[in-house]
Each structure stands twice: as structure tokens, then as C-alpha cells.
Amino acid sequence: MPGIEQPREPILEQRPEAGPGQTGHHASPTLRRDIVVLLRQVGPSSPDQLAAKLGASRTGVLQQLRALETAQLVTRRTERHGVGRPRHLYDVTADAQDLFPSNYDGLAASLLAAIDAVGGDRLMDDVFAARRRQAAGRMTERLSERLPASASLADRVRELAAIQDELGYLAQLEMAPDGTIRMIEHNCAIFEVALGSGRACQAELELFGEVLGVEVVRDRHIASGDRCCSYRMGPGAEPRRDA
């Protein structure tokens, strides 16, 4: 079952250039993250206030604020006090929410446990079936937009792997010398959910078969202790003997 889109981290991990007077923590790649976290904690603040609280130079803080503003992760407003120079106040935007820790996987697992407690197996099956239909609709639409109707199975699996990769599964197409087509997922983006309910993995297996219109067999499984999830696609996709 497709997972949650991953948070936008790169903007916080770029190493800032060290400006005049920037040493030690001031030039640290964590300064940008520290600014975002502090703004979230204390609210609108001036560069001077941020620099004082973080023990960083005003120049360094301004540099990072400009980068964050360009990325639309902070906003700036002008506040005037009498005849002096106006003061610029910065604050995080709604887009910055994706940069903070979340527990979507844990929430999903607890919601499924609650659904099971309320409705038992039948309601759980209905929930996963509905989710599979939604995901299948989106995937089928994308494949039809990106590929011609005559596209080969390998091309369709490649596009499916691209979709899963975007969702955090680190997925890729693998073509064996004998022509066997596999999709490999090196990460499980719903690991806690998969551990808590085998229905999640079964729904994913059924989803891939429905979208591709071929037999799909999983022969490796992260939730069972393997290093990856591996799916064999198309004719001859029979379960391995040791599965």
C-alpha cells in the first residue's frame, strides 16, 4: 500500500557558506534547521533576536533566512516603530510543517488496530479493499498518461517502480538474464503498518496485479526479515520453493 510522501529535507541539509566572522557553530550546516525550529517554538522573530538566541552571527542568520524565504519555508513582514528603521520579522510558513518530525506510520497502525477492534476482519478487509481501489485508480491513470497502450510489461513495471520510489520505497526495475521481470523495493515506507497487519502487504500485492493486469508474486519480504521486497511479474511468476 503506498506510503506517505517524504518530508522536504534537502533545504535544511545544504551546507551554508561561511561568511565574515562565521566560525564554529555559526557556519554549521545545522544553523538553518536551528532557525526553523526556533521560529516554530517562539514565533515571529527578527534576525537579531534569532542570532542572539542561537549564538550565531547576524550575517549568518540572514543568509539562511534568505534561503528559507526563497524556498517558501519562512515569510517576512515589516514592523515599524516610530521614526527608526523598520524591523523585519520572520516566521515559518505552513509548508515548513513537512520539515518537522511526524508519526504517520504509527498513526496509521493505531487507526487500523482501532478499526479491527470495532469491526473485526470484515471491516478491515473492506478498508484495505477501498484503499486498494483508490491507489489503483491513481496508478492506472498515471500509467495511461505516461505510456502508450502498447507499452511492454517491462516499461509498465518501470513506471510502477518510479511511482513507488517517489513514495519512499526505494524501488527499481530488475531484469534477470532469463527475462524474468522484478520490481525491487529496498525500503518499506509503511513498515510499522506491515508488521501490525499482514493485510497491508497482501493489499499491495493485489494492487500491483490489478494495475499491471498480470500475475504478481512476492518472493522476498522486508516484514519477514528479508533485505528487500521483491515482486516477480507476468507469466511464470510462481512462488519460490523455499518461501
Protein backbone atom coordinates (compact mmCIF):
# COMPACT_ATOMS: atom_id res chain seq x y z
CA MET A 1 0.00 0.00 0.00
CA PRO A 2 1.56 3.36 -0.98
CA GLY A 3 3.09 5.29 1.85
CA ILE A 4 3.38 8.91 2.89
CA GLU A 5 5.24 11.41 0.80
CA GLN A 6 8.61 12.08 2.30
CA PRO A 7 9.39 15.42 4.00
CA ARG A 8 11.40 18.02 2.12
CA GLU A 9 14.80 17.71 3.82
CA PRO A 10 17.42 18.95 1.32
CA ILE A 11 16.87 22.67 2.03
CA LEU A 12 17.84 22.04 5.64
CA GLU A 13 20.88 19.95 4.79
CA GLN A 14 22.68 22.28 2.41
CA ARG A 15 25.94 23.43 3.94
CA PRO A 16 25.90 27.24 4.20
CA GLU A 17 28.88 29.22 3.04
CA ALA A 18 30.89 30.67 5.89
CA GLY A 19 30.64 34.45 5.80
CA PRO A 20 32.73 37.08 7.57
CA GLY A 21 33.00 36.33 11.23
CA GLN A 22 31.32 32.93 10.91
CA THR A 23 33.16 30.24 12.81
CA GLY A 24 32.29 27.10 14.71
CA HIS A 25 28.53 26.72 15.17
CA HIS A 26 27.90 29.87 13.10
CA ALA A 27 28.99 28.09 9.92
CA SER A 28 27.41 24.77 10.92
CA PRO A 29 25.05 23.09 8.43
CA THR A 30 22.61 22.80 11.33
CA LEU A 31 22.08 26.57 11.57
CA ARG A 32 19.28 26.55 9.00
CA ARG A 33 17.49 23.78 10.88
CA ASP A 34 18.02 25.57 14.19
CA ILE A 35 16.41 28.70 12.78
CA VAL A 36 13.32 26.83 11.57
CA VAL A 37 12.92 25.02 14.89
CA LEU A 38 13.36 28.21 16.92
CA LEU A 39 10.82 30.11 14.80
CA ARG A 40 8.37 27.28 15.33
CA GLN A 41 8.93 27.46 19.08
CA VAL A 42 8.91 31.24 19.68
CA GLY A 43 7.05 32.67 16.70
CA PRO A 44 7.87 35.77 14.62
CA SER A 45 11.41 36.97 15.33
CA SER A 46 13.94 39.40 13.94
CA PRO A 47 17.37 38.33 12.68
CA ASP A 48 18.93 39.96 15.74
CA GLN A 49 16.69 38.00 18.09
CA LEU A 50 17.42 34.75 16.30
CA ALA A 51 21.16 35.40 16.26
CA ALA A 52 21.18 36.15 19.99
CA LYS A 53 19.20 33.02 20.90
CA LEU A 54 21.27 30.75 18.64
CA GLY A 55 24.65 32.26 19.43
CA ALA A 56 25.22 32.87 15.72
CA SER A 57 26.24 35.92 13.73
CA ARG A 58 23.53 38.17 12.32
CA THR A 59 25.13 37.80 8.88
CA GLY A 60 24.94 34.03 9.05
CA VAL A 61 21.32 34.07 10.24
CA LEU A 62 20.30 36.47 7.47
CA GLN A 63 21.95 34.25 4.89
CA GLN A 64 19.92 31.26 6.00
CA LEU A 65 16.69 33.25 6.33
CA ARG A 66 17.02 34.37 2.71
CA ALA A 67 17.46 30.78 1.58
CA LEU A 68 14.46 29.65 3.63
CA GLU A 69 12.37 32.53 2.28
CA THR A 70 13.29 31.60 -1.29
CA ALA A 71 12.15 28.05 -0.54
CA GLN A 72 8.88 29.47 0.86
CA LEU A 73 9.58 27.94 4.26
CA VAL A 74 9.60 31.29 6.07
CA THR A 75 7.82 34.57 5.46
CA ARG A 76 8.95 38.10 6.23
CA ARG A 77 6.90 41.09 7.33
CA THR A 78 7.92 44.63 8.16
CA GLU A 79 7.11 46.15 11.52
CA ARG A 80 7.55 49.91 12.03
CA HIS A 81 8.25 51.59 15.36
CA GLY A 82 8.22 55.38 15.28
CA VAL A 83 10.92 57.09 13.29
CA GLY A 84 13.58 54.37 13.42
CA ARG A 85 14.41 51.82 10.78
CA PRO A 86 11.65 49.25 10.25
CA ARG A 87 12.20 45.82 11.76
CA HIS A 88 11.84 42.65 9.70
CA LEU A 89 10.15 39.74 11.42
CA TYR A 90 10.37 36.19 10.10
CA ASP A 91 8.09 33.23 10.76
CA VAL A 92 7.65 29.71 9.42
CA THR A 93 5.05 29.01 6.74
CA ALA A 94 2.56 26.16 6.56
CA ASP A 95 4.91 24.44 4.08
CA ALA A 96 7.51 24.11 6.85
CA GLN A 97 5.30 21.57 8.63
CA ASP A 98 6.78 18.85 6.42
CA LEU A 99 10.21 19.54 7.94
CA PHE A 100 9.22 18.59 11.47
CA PRO A 101 9.03 15.07 12.91
CA SER A 102 5.83 13.15 12.23
CA ASN A 103 4.42 9.78 13.15
CA TYR A 104 2.10 9.00 10.28
CA ASP A 105 3.14 5.35 10.24
CA GLY A 106 2.36 4.98 13.94
CA LEU A 107 -0.96 6.78 13.49
CA ALA A 108 -1.91 4.51 10.61
CA ALA A 109 -1.05 1.42 12.65
CA SER A 110 -3.12 2.60 15.62
CA LEU A 111 -6.07 3.50 13.37
CA LEU A 112 -6.01 0.04 11.82
CA ALA A 113 -5.94 -1.51 15.27
CA ALA A 114 -8.98 0.58 16.21
CA ILE A 115 -10.80 -0.42 13.01
CA ASP A 116 -10.08 -4.07 13.76
CA ALA A 117 -11.38 -3.65 17.32
CA VAL A 118 -14.60 -2.01 16.11
CA GLY A 119 -15.42 -4.07 13.02
CA GLY A 120 -13.18 -7.12 13.05
CA ASP A 121 -11.90 -8.89 9.96
CA ARG A 122 -14.76 -7.89 7.69
CA LEU A 123 -14.35 -4.15 8.25
CA MET A 124 -10.56 -4.42 7.95
CA ASP A 125 -10.92 -6.21 4.63
CA ASP A 126 -13.35 -3.53 3.42
CA VAL A 127 -10.95 -0.74 4.41
CA PHE A 128 -7.98 -2.26 2.61
CA ALA A 129 -10.11 -3.05 -0.45
CA ALA A 130 -11.28 0.57 -0.64
CA ARG A 131 -7.73 1.85 -0.23
CA ARG A 132 -6.51 -0.52 -2.94
CA ARG A 133 -9.17 0.71 -5.37
CA GLN A 134 -8.18 4.33 -4.75
CA ALA A 135 -4.49 3.64 -5.27
CA ALA A 136 -5.18 1.50 -8.35
CA GLY A 137 -7.15 4.33 -9.92
CA ARG A 138 -4.31 6.81 -9.44
CA MET A 139 -1.63 4.41 -10.65
CA THR A 140 -3.62 3.33 -13.71
CA GLU A 141 -4.25 6.94 -14.65
CA ARG A 142 -0.55 7.76 -14.42
CA LEU A 143 0.49 4.75 -16.48
CA SER A 144 -2.02 5.67 -19.17
CA GLU A 145 -0.71 9.25 -19.23
CA ARG A 146 2.97 8.30 -19.37
CA LEU A 147 2.90 5.17 -21.56
CA PRO A 148 1.23 4.12 -24.82
CA ALA A 149 -1.35 1.36 -24.75
CA SER A 150 1.18 -0.91 -26.47
CA ALA A 151 3.84 -0.44 -23.75
CA SER A 152 5.67 -3.60 -22.76
CA LEU A 153 5.33 -5.18 -19.34
CA ALA A 154 8.89 -4.09 -18.53
CA ASP A 155 8.03 -0.46 -19.30
CA ARG A 156 4.91 -0.65 -17.17
CA VAL A 157 6.81 -2.18 -14.27
CA ARG A 158 9.49 0.50 -14.66
CA GLU A 159 6.84 3.21 -14.34
CA LEU A 160 5.23 1.44 -11.38
CA ALA A 161 8.65 1.29 -9.72
CA ALA A 162 9.04 5.04 -10.32
CA ILE A 163 5.73 5.65 -8.55
CA GLN A 164 6.75 3.50 -5.59
CA ASP A 165 10.16 5.16 -5.48
CA GLU A 166 8.53 8.58 -5.19
CA LEU A 167 6.55 7.24 -2.24
CA GLY A 168 9.70 6.26 -0.36
CA TYR A 169 10.07 2.58 -1.24
CA LEU A 170 13.46 2.93 -2.99
CA ALA A 171 12.02 0.88 -5.82
CA GLN A 172 13.56 -0.14 -9.12
CA LEU A 173 13.04 -2.48 -12.06
CA GLU A 174 15.27 -5.54 -12.25
CA MET A 175 15.59 -7.60 -15.43
CA ALA A 176 17.14 -11.06 -14.98
CA PRO A 177 19.23 -12.67 -17.77
CA ASP A 178 16.44 -15.21 -18.33
CA GLY A 179 13.94 -12.38 -18.95
CA THR A 180 12.28 -12.50 -15.54
CA ILE A 181 10.91 -9.09 -14.58
CA ARG A 182 11.06 -7.99 -10.97
CA MET A 183 10.31 -4.85 -9.04
CA ILE A 184 12.60 -4.48 -6.04
CA GLU A 185 11.67 -2.30 -3.05
CA HIS A 186 14.69 -1.66 -0.83
CA ASN A 187 12.63 0.14 1.82
CA CYS A 188 9.20 -0.39 3.36
CA ALA A 189 7.56 3.02 3.70
CA ILE A 190 4.79 1.52 5.88
CA PHE A 191 6.95 -0.80 7.98
CA GLU A 192 5.02 -0.45 11.26
CA VAL A 193 1.72 -0.98 9.47
CA ALA A 194 3.11 -4.02 7.63
CA LEU A 195 4.31 -5.55 10.88
CA GLY A 196 0.96 -4.93 12.54
CA SER A 197 -1.24 -6.29 9.78
CA GLY A 198 -0.48 -8.76 7.00
CA ARG A 199 -3.40 -7.26 5.12
CA ALA A 200 -1.26 -4.24 4.17
CA CYS A 201 1.24 -6.37 2.29
CA GLN A 202 -1.47 -8.53 0.74
CA ALA A 203 -3.29 -5.41 -0.44
CA GLU A 204 -0.06 -4.14 -2.05
CA LEU A 205 0.42 -7.45 -3.84
CA GLU A 206 -3.14 -7.38 -5.16
CA LEU A 207 -2.73 -3.72 -6.13
CA PHE A 208 0.27 -4.41 -8.35
CA GLY A 209 -1.50 -7.30 -10.06
CA GLU A 210 -4.59 -5.20 -10.69
CA VAL A 211 -2.64 -2.25 -12.10
CA LEU A 212 -0.39 -4.35 -14.35
CA GLY A 213 -3.03 -6.89 -15.32
CA VAL A 214 -0.64 -9.81 -14.79
CA GLU A 215 0.23 -12.35 -12.15
CA VAL A 216 2.45 -10.91 -9.41
CA VAL A 217 4.27 -12.97 -6.81
CA ARG A 218 6.29 -11.61 -3.90
CA ASP A 219 9.40 -13.73 -3.30
CA ARG A 220 11.20 -11.55 -0.76
CA HIS A 221 9.60 -9.63 2.07
CA ILE A 222 11.06 -6.97 4.38
CA ALA A 223 8.42 -7.57 7.06
CA SER A 224 9.52 -11.23 7.13
CA GLY A 225 13.16 -10.32 7.66
CA ASP A 226 14.48 -10.01 4.10
CA ARG A 227 16.62 -7.07 2.99
CA CYS A 228 14.05 -6.03 0.39
CA CYS A 229 10.64 -6.79 -1.05
CA SER A 230 10.87 -8.45 -4.46
CA TYR A 231 7.96 -8.92 -6.86
CA ARG A 232 8.07 -11.19 -9.90
CA MET A 233 5.77 -10.04 -12.69
CA GLY A 234 3.98 -11.80 -15.50
CA PRO A 235 3.91 -15.36 -16.87
CA GLY A 236 5.89 -17.88 -14.87
CA ALA A 237 5.75 -15.82 -11.69
CA GLU A 238 5.47 -18.78 -9.38
CA PRO A 239 6.33 -18.71 -5.67
CA ARG A 240 9.88 -19.75 -4.84
CA ARG A 241 10.21 -23.25 -3.37
CA ASP A 242 11.63 -22.03 -0.04
CA ALA A 243 9.01 -19.30 0.51
